[in-house]
Amino acid sequence: MSRLGAARLGLGCASYWARSDFPEAQARAVLEAALSAGITHFDTGASYADGFAEQRLGRLLRELGADPERLRISTKIGTVRDARGRPVKDFSPQRILDDVGTSLRRLGLERVSVLLLHGPNPDLLNDALRAVLEQVRERGLARQVGINAHLATIEAAVGDPDFQVLMPFLSVREPQAGAAIAAAGRAGQTVIAAGPLARMSFRPPWRDWLTRPSGRWYLARALARSPRSLLGNRALRRALDHPDWTPAQLALAWTLEQPGVAGTVFGSTRPEHVRELAEAAARPLPEPIRTRLALLHQRRDA
């Protein structure tokens, strides 16, 4: 397996992987598979499992003999719990400084490679926010700062030197960010695509979802977010059909070849799935698949 393609991948250490009831041995095996495949980017967030994701990631990397300071570790701040336990956004300067310190302690790091604002609206990208982010960089708490958000905020940040890294959502099912990503790449910003597998809505893995505890959890989330998406898209299912590739591999390879995309972050709870995607990252997307998807997206935009 080539490790060159895997160098463009990041493992998302969130969702079910971050839950305390996901067995520690399995969480460790997923990280071990990623490291063995050549993945060096690990992405997490302060709000994932109320901080347990950061703690688990830092602890397990060290148990596996990896030096987190030599890896690319990104985390996200800005999502907090209100008095009733509901997730809300807080990008106030003092909260940012406090949360960065908390995240570093959980991870066991002096600095993160990338600190991402987690889902701000465009109007929050104000002077006070920029000043505190510059303070974070000057203190050496993060090498780079950036944004993980939906398209409107990403578009507002394209070409903005205060944000060196952008993490938009991009997939074969949701390709709308393509133009903004290409523009960000031309502007010299690093773009890491999030959600390249689109929660497998184009080919729901029913057997895994119905037979695994993690699968039932993902199914419940999919039902809560968009029940209609589970019906899939017949045209997209046909487009992602190749005898030598899985649909997930094809979706990942498509994301990686989009203009401006430096890499992509995916989540997994199975070591074999990590290895499967790392293998795909080293292979060019088959031309028939590229053509089918281009035509499909053109019809969608028409």
Protein backbone atom coordinates (compact mmCIF):
# COMPACT_ATOMS: atom_id res chain seq x y z
CA MET A 1 0.00 0.00 0.00
CA SER A 2 1.42 3.40 -0.97
CA ARG A 3 1.72 5.81 1.95
CA LEU A 4 1.80 8.84 -0.35
CA GLY A 5 -1.94 8.94 -0.87
CA ALA A 6 -2.63 8.37 2.82
CA ALA A 7 -0.62 11.49 3.63
CA ARG A 8 -3.55 13.50 2.23
CA LEU A 9 -6.00 11.83 4.60
CA GLY A 10 -7.02 12.78 8.08
CA LEU A 11 -8.81 10.57 10.58
CA GLY A 12 -11.78 12.24 12.22
CA CYS A 13 -11.64 11.36 15.91
CA ALA A 14 -15.23 12.17 16.76
CA SER A 15 -18.74 10.69 16.56
CA TYR A 16 -19.02 7.11 17.78
CA TRP A 17 -15.22 6.71 18.01
CA ALA A 18 -15.26 9.39 20.71
CA ARG A 19 -17.96 7.82 22.87
CA SER A 20 -16.88 6.36 26.19
CA ASP A 21 -18.97 3.24 25.46
CA PHE A 22 -17.00 2.56 22.28
CA PRO A 23 -14.45 0.02 23.54
CA GLU A 24 -10.99 1.40 24.14
CA ALA A 25 -9.37 -1.53 22.34
CA GLN A 26 -11.38 -0.84 19.18
CA ALA A 27 -10.67 2.89 19.32
CA ARG A 28 -6.98 2.07 19.66
CA ALA A 29 -7.11 -0.37 16.72
CA VAL A 30 -8.60 2.32 14.47
CA LEU A 31 -5.77 4.72 15.35
CA GLU A 32 -3.18 1.99 14.88
CA ALA A 33 -4.53 1.20 11.42
CA ALA A 34 -4.37 4.87 10.48
CA LEU A 35 -0.79 5.27 11.66
CA SER A 36 0.27 2.06 9.92
CA ALA A 37 -1.30 3.26 6.67
CA GLY A 38 0.67 6.51 6.77
CA ILE A 39 -2.06 8.86 8.00
CA THR A 40 -0.52 11.71 10.00
CA HIS A 41 -3.48 14.09 10.39
CA PHE A 42 -5.89 13.51 13.27
CA ASP A 43 -8.86 15.84 13.63
CA THR A 44 -11.02 16.24 16.73
CA GLY A 45 -12.96 18.88 18.64
CA ALA A 46 -13.45 20.23 22.14
CA SER A 47 -17.18 19.52 22.06
CA TYR A 48 -16.95 15.92 20.85
CA ALA A 49 -18.14 13.72 23.71
CA ASP A 50 -17.70 16.74 25.99
CA GLY A 51 -13.92 16.62 25.69
CA PHE A 52 -13.46 12.85 25.87
CA ALA A 53 -12.46 12.72 22.20
CA GLU A 54 -9.45 14.96 22.80
CA GLN A 55 -8.44 13.01 25.91
CA ARG A 56 -8.73 9.65 24.14
CA LEU A 57 -6.82 10.82 21.09
CA GLY A 58 -3.87 12.20 23.03
CA ARG A 59 -3.68 9.19 25.34
CA LEU A 60 -3.95 6.49 22.67
CA LEU A 61 -1.47 8.10 20.31
CA ARG A 62 1.13 8.02 23.07
CA GLU A 63 0.26 4.44 24.00
CA LEU A 64 0.88 3.51 20.37
CA GLY A 65 4.32 5.10 20.49
CA ALA A 66 3.42 8.07 18.28
CA ASP A 67 4.70 11.54 19.05
CA PRO A 68 1.72 13.90 18.71
CA GLU A 69 4.10 16.83 18.28
CA ARG A 70 5.27 15.24 15.00
CA LEU A 71 1.72 14.66 13.76
CA ARG A 72 -0.81 17.12 12.39
CA ILE A 73 -3.38 17.50 15.14
CA SER A 74 -6.37 19.77 14.59
CA THR A 75 -9.13 20.56 17.02
CA LYS A 76 -12.19 22.79 17.01
CA ILE A 77 -13.55 25.31 19.50
CA GLY A 78 -16.68 27.41 19.70
CA THR A 79 -19.34 24.78 20.43
CA VAL A 80 -20.24 24.68 24.12
CA ARG A 81 -23.12 23.55 26.36
CA ASP A 82 -25.57 26.02 27.80
CA ALA A 83 -27.16 25.76 31.25
CA ARG A 84 -29.68 23.23 29.92
CA GLY A 85 -27.01 21.10 28.28
CA ARG A 86 -27.82 22.17 24.73
CA PRO A 87 -25.01 22.84 22.22
CA VAL A 88 -24.61 26.55 21.46
CA LYS A 89 -21.91 28.72 19.89
CA ASP A 90 -19.57 30.95 21.90
CA PHE A 91 -16.72 32.71 20.09
CA SER A 92 -16.07 35.39 22.69
CA PRO A 93 -12.34 36.17 23.07
CA GLN A 94 -11.97 34.97 26.64
CA ARG A 95 -13.91 31.78 25.93
CA ILE A 96 -11.63 31.05 22.98
CA LEU A 97 -8.49 31.48 25.10
CA ASP A 98 -9.93 29.36 27.91
CA ASP A 99 -11.04 26.59 25.55
CA VAL A 100 -7.72 26.47 23.71
CA GLY A 101 -5.95 25.92 27.03
CA THR A 102 -8.42 23.19 27.99
CA SER A 103 -8.02 21.42 24.66
CA LEU A 104 -4.23 21.47 24.91
CA ARG A 105 -4.36 19.95 28.40
CA ARG A 106 -6.69 17.20 27.23
CA LEU A 107 -4.50 16.40 24.23
CA GLY A 108 -1.30 16.68 26.25
CA LEU A 109 0.18 19.19 23.80
CA GLU A 110 1.88 22.56 23.99
CA ARG A 111 0.30 23.55 20.67
CA VAL A 112 -1.98 22.15 18.00
CA SER A 113 -1.13 22.19 14.32
CA VAL A 114 -4.49 23.76 13.44
CA LEU A 115 -7.12 25.45 15.60
CA LEU A 116 -10.49 25.59 13.83
CA LEU A 117 -13.52 27.71 14.67
CA HIS A 118 -16.41 25.27 14.83
CA GLY A 119 -19.34 26.53 12.77
CA PRO A 120 -19.31 30.32 13.08
CA ASN A 121 -21.70 32.44 11.03
CA PRO A 122 -20.11 34.92 8.61
CA ASP A 123 -21.00 37.91 10.77
CA LEU A 124 -18.90 36.52 13.63
CA LEU A 125 -15.67 36.91 11.65
CA ASN A 126 -15.13 40.34 13.22
CA ASP A 127 -12.11 42.30 14.44
CA ALA A 128 -12.36 41.03 18.03
CA LEU A 129 -12.32 37.43 16.84
CA ARG A 130 -9.39 38.06 14.51
CA ALA A 131 -7.42 39.72 17.31
CA VAL A 132 -7.79 36.81 19.71
CA LEU A 133 -6.87 34.31 17.01
CA GLU A 134 -3.71 36.29 16.28
CA GLN A 135 -2.99 36.20 20.00
CA VAL A 136 -3.36 32.40 19.93
CA ARG A 137 -0.79 32.19 17.15
CA GLU A 138 1.60 34.68 18.76
CA ARG A 139 1.54 32.67 22.00
CA GLY A 140 2.46 29.56 20.03
CA LEU A 141 -0.75 27.72 20.99
CA ALA A 142 -1.57 26.90 17.36
CA ARG A 143 0.59 26.91 14.25
CA GLN A 144 -2.37 27.81 12.03
CA VAL A 145 -5.97 28.89 12.56
CA GLY A 146 -8.96 28.30 10.37
CA ILE A 147 -12.66 27.57 10.05
CA ASN A 148 -14.82 24.46 9.83
CA ALA A 149 -18.25 25.62 8.68
CA HIS A 150 -20.94 25.51 6.05
CA LEU A 151 -20.60 27.18 2.69
CA ALA A 152 -21.66 30.77 3.47
CA THR A 153 -18.93 31.17 6.09
CA ILE A 154 -16.33 29.43 3.94
CA GLU A 155 -17.11 31.79 1.06
CA ALA A 156 -16.69 34.78 3.39
CA ALA A 157 -13.25 33.52 4.46
CA VAL A 158 -11.85 32.69 1.01
CA GLY A 159 -8.70 34.72 0.42
CA ASP A 160 -8.67 36.06 3.99
CA PRO A 161 -5.09 35.82 5.36
CA ASP A 162 -6.36 35.61 8.94
CA PHE A 163 -7.61 32.09 8.18
CA GLN A 164 -4.89 29.83 6.82
CA VAL A 165 -6.96 26.63 6.82
CA LEU A 166 -10.53 26.09 5.64
CA MET A 167 -12.53 22.93 6.30
CA PRO A 168 -15.72 23.00 4.20
CA PHE A 169 -18.07 20.10 3.56
CA LEU A 170 -17.59 18.46 0.17
CA SER A 171 -18.77 15.15 -1.25
CA VAL A 172 -20.20 13.55 -4.36
CA ARG A 173 -23.63 14.19 -2.85
CA GLU A 174 -22.88 17.76 -1.77
CA PRO A 175 -20.45 19.27 -4.32
CA GLN A 176 -21.65 22.88 -3.97
CA ALA A 177 -18.48 24.12 -2.23
CA GLY A 178 -16.32 23.28 -5.25
CA ALA A 179 -15.97 26.83 -6.59
CA ALA A 180 -15.11 28.31 -3.19
CA ILE A 181 -12.58 25.55 -2.56
CA ALA A 182 -10.85 26.14 -5.89
CA ALA A 183 -10.69 29.87 -5.14
CA ALA A 184 -9.25 29.23 -1.67
CA GLY A 185 -6.60 26.97 -3.17
CA ARG A 186 -5.62 29.68 -5.65
CA ALA A 187 -5.39 32.13 -2.76
CA GLY A 188 -2.90 29.88 -0.98
CA GLN A 189 -5.18 28.64 1.77
CA THR A 190 -5.05 25.00 2.80
CA VAL A 191 -8.39 23.29 2.20
CA ILE A 192 -9.22 20.09 4.08
CA ALA A 193 -12.56 18.71 2.92
CA ALA A 194 -14.90 17.40 5.61
CA GLY A 195 -17.62 14.79 5.12
CA PRO A 196 -16.26 13.14 1.94
CA LEU A 197 -18.41 10.04 2.49
CA ALA A 198 -21.65 12.05 2.97
CA ARG A 199 -22.59 9.72 5.85
CA MET A 200 -22.88 7.01 3.14
CA SER A 201 -26.29 8.43 2.19
CA PHE A 202 -25.62 7.46 -1.44
CA ARG A 203 -25.27 3.79 -0.45
CA PRO A 204 -26.55 3.17 3.09
CA PRO A 205 -24.67 0.22 4.63
CA TRP A 206 -27.82 -1.37 6.02
CA ARG A 207 -26.21 -4.58 7.25
CA ASP A 208 -23.61 -2.75 9.32
CA TRP A 209 -26.14 -0.20 10.53
CA LEU A 210 -28.55 -2.86 11.73
CA THR A 211 -26.06 -5.32 13.24
CA ARG A 212 -23.45 -3.14 14.96
CA PRO A 213 -23.98 -0.85 17.96
CA SER A 214 -22.06 1.87 16.16
CA GLY A 215 -24.15 1.28 13.04
CA ARG A 216 -27.41 1.69 14.92
CA TRP A 217 -26.10 4.95 16.36
CA TYR A 218 -25.20 6.26 12.88
CA LEU A 219 -28.59 5.13 11.57
CA ALA A 220 -30.36 7.04 14.34
CA ARG A 221 -28.37 10.17 13.49
CA ALA A 222 -29.17 9.81 9.80
CA LEU A 223 -32.86 9.44 10.55
CA ALA A 224 -32.80 12.50 12.78
CA ARG A 225 -30.98 14.65 10.23
CA SER A 226 -32.55 13.68 6.93
CA PRO A 227 -34.79 10.62 6.71
CA ARG A 228 -35.31 11.10 2.97
CA SER A 229 -31.57 10.88 2.30
CA LEU A 230 -31.64 7.23 3.37
CA LEU A 231 -33.65 6.45 0.29
CA GLY A 232 -30.46 7.33 -1.52
CA ASN A 233 -30.04 8.72 -4.96
CA ARG A 234 -30.44 6.13 -7.70
CA ALA A 235 -28.40 8.09 -10.23
CA LEU A 236 -25.60 8.55 -7.71
CA ARG A 237 -25.66 4.87 -6.78
CA ARG A 238 -25.30 3.96 -10.45
CA ALA A 239 -22.48 6.48 -10.89
CA LEU A 240 -20.53 4.98 -7.97
CA ASP A 241 -20.47 1.46 -9.37
CA HIS A 242 -17.14 -0.14 -10.30
CA PRO A 243 -16.03 -3.76 -9.92
CA ASP A 244 -12.65 -2.87 -8.40
CA TRP A 245 -13.76 -0.14 -6.00
CA THR A 246 -16.24 0.23 -3.17
CA PRO A 247 -18.61 3.23 -3.33
CA ALA A 248 -16.84 4.75 -0.32
CA GLN A 249 -13.48 4.49 -2.05
CA LEU A 250 -14.84 6.16 -5.17
CA ALA A 251 -16.43 8.97 -3.16
CA LEU A 252 -13.18 9.60 -1.31
CA ALA A 253 -11.07 9.55 -4.49
CA TRP A 254 -13.44 12.03 -6.16
CA THR A 255 -13.12 14.44 -3.24
CA LEU A 256 -9.33 14.27 -3.23
CA GLU A 257 -9.05 15.16 -6.91
CA GLN A 258 -11.17 18.33 -6.74
CA PRO A 259 -9.23 21.54 -7.49
CA GLY A 260 -7.97 23.25 -4.37
CA VAL A 261 -8.40 20.25 -2.06
CA ALA A 262 -5.22 19.54 -0.12
CA GLY A 263 -6.70 16.65 1.85
CA THR A 264 -9.83 15.26 3.44
CA VAL A 265 -10.94 14.01 6.85
CA PHE A 266 -13.12 10.92 7.33
CA GLY A 267 -14.39 9.06 10.37
CA SER A 268 -14.41 5.33 11.03
CA THR A 269 -14.92 2.76 13.77
CA ARG A 270 -13.32 -0.16 11.87
CA PRO A 271 -9.60 -0.66 11.14
CA GLU A 272 -10.37 -2.45 7.87
CA HIS A 273 -12.37 0.57 6.71
CA VAL A 274 -9.41 2.84 7.44
CA ARG A 275 -7.11 0.60 5.42
CA GLU A 276 -9.62 0.43 2.55
CA LEU A 277 -9.81 4.21 2.27
CA ALA A 278 -6.06 4.68 2.63
CA GLU A 279 -5.63 2.34 -0.33
CA ALA A 280 -8.09 4.35 -2.41
CA ALA A 281 -6.27 7.60 -1.69
CA ALA A 282 -3.26 6.32 -3.65
CA ARG A 283 -5.28 5.44 -6.77
CA PRO A 284 -6.56 7.73 -9.53
CA LEU A 285 -10.32 7.89 -9.91
CA PRO A 286 -11.39 5.73 -12.89
CA GLU A 287 -12.24 7.91 -15.87
CA PRO A 288 -15.75 6.44 -16.38
CA ILE A 289 -16.63 7.33 -12.78
CA ARG A 290 -15.27 10.85 -13.20
CA THR A 291 -17.36 11.33 -16.33
CA ARG A 292 -20.54 9.97 -14.77
CA LEU A 293 -20.21 12.20 -11.72
CA ALA A 294 -19.44 15.28 -13.80
CA LEU A 295 -22.57 14.73 -15.89
CA LEU A 296 -24.66 14.07 -12.79
CA HIS A 297 -23.47 17.27 -11.11
CA GLN A 298 -24.04 19.27 -14.30
CA ARG A 299 -27.64 18.09 -14.48
CA ARG A 300 -28.10 18.96 -10.85
CA ASP A 301 -26.84 22.52 -11.42
CA ALA A 302 -28.86 23.06 -14.59
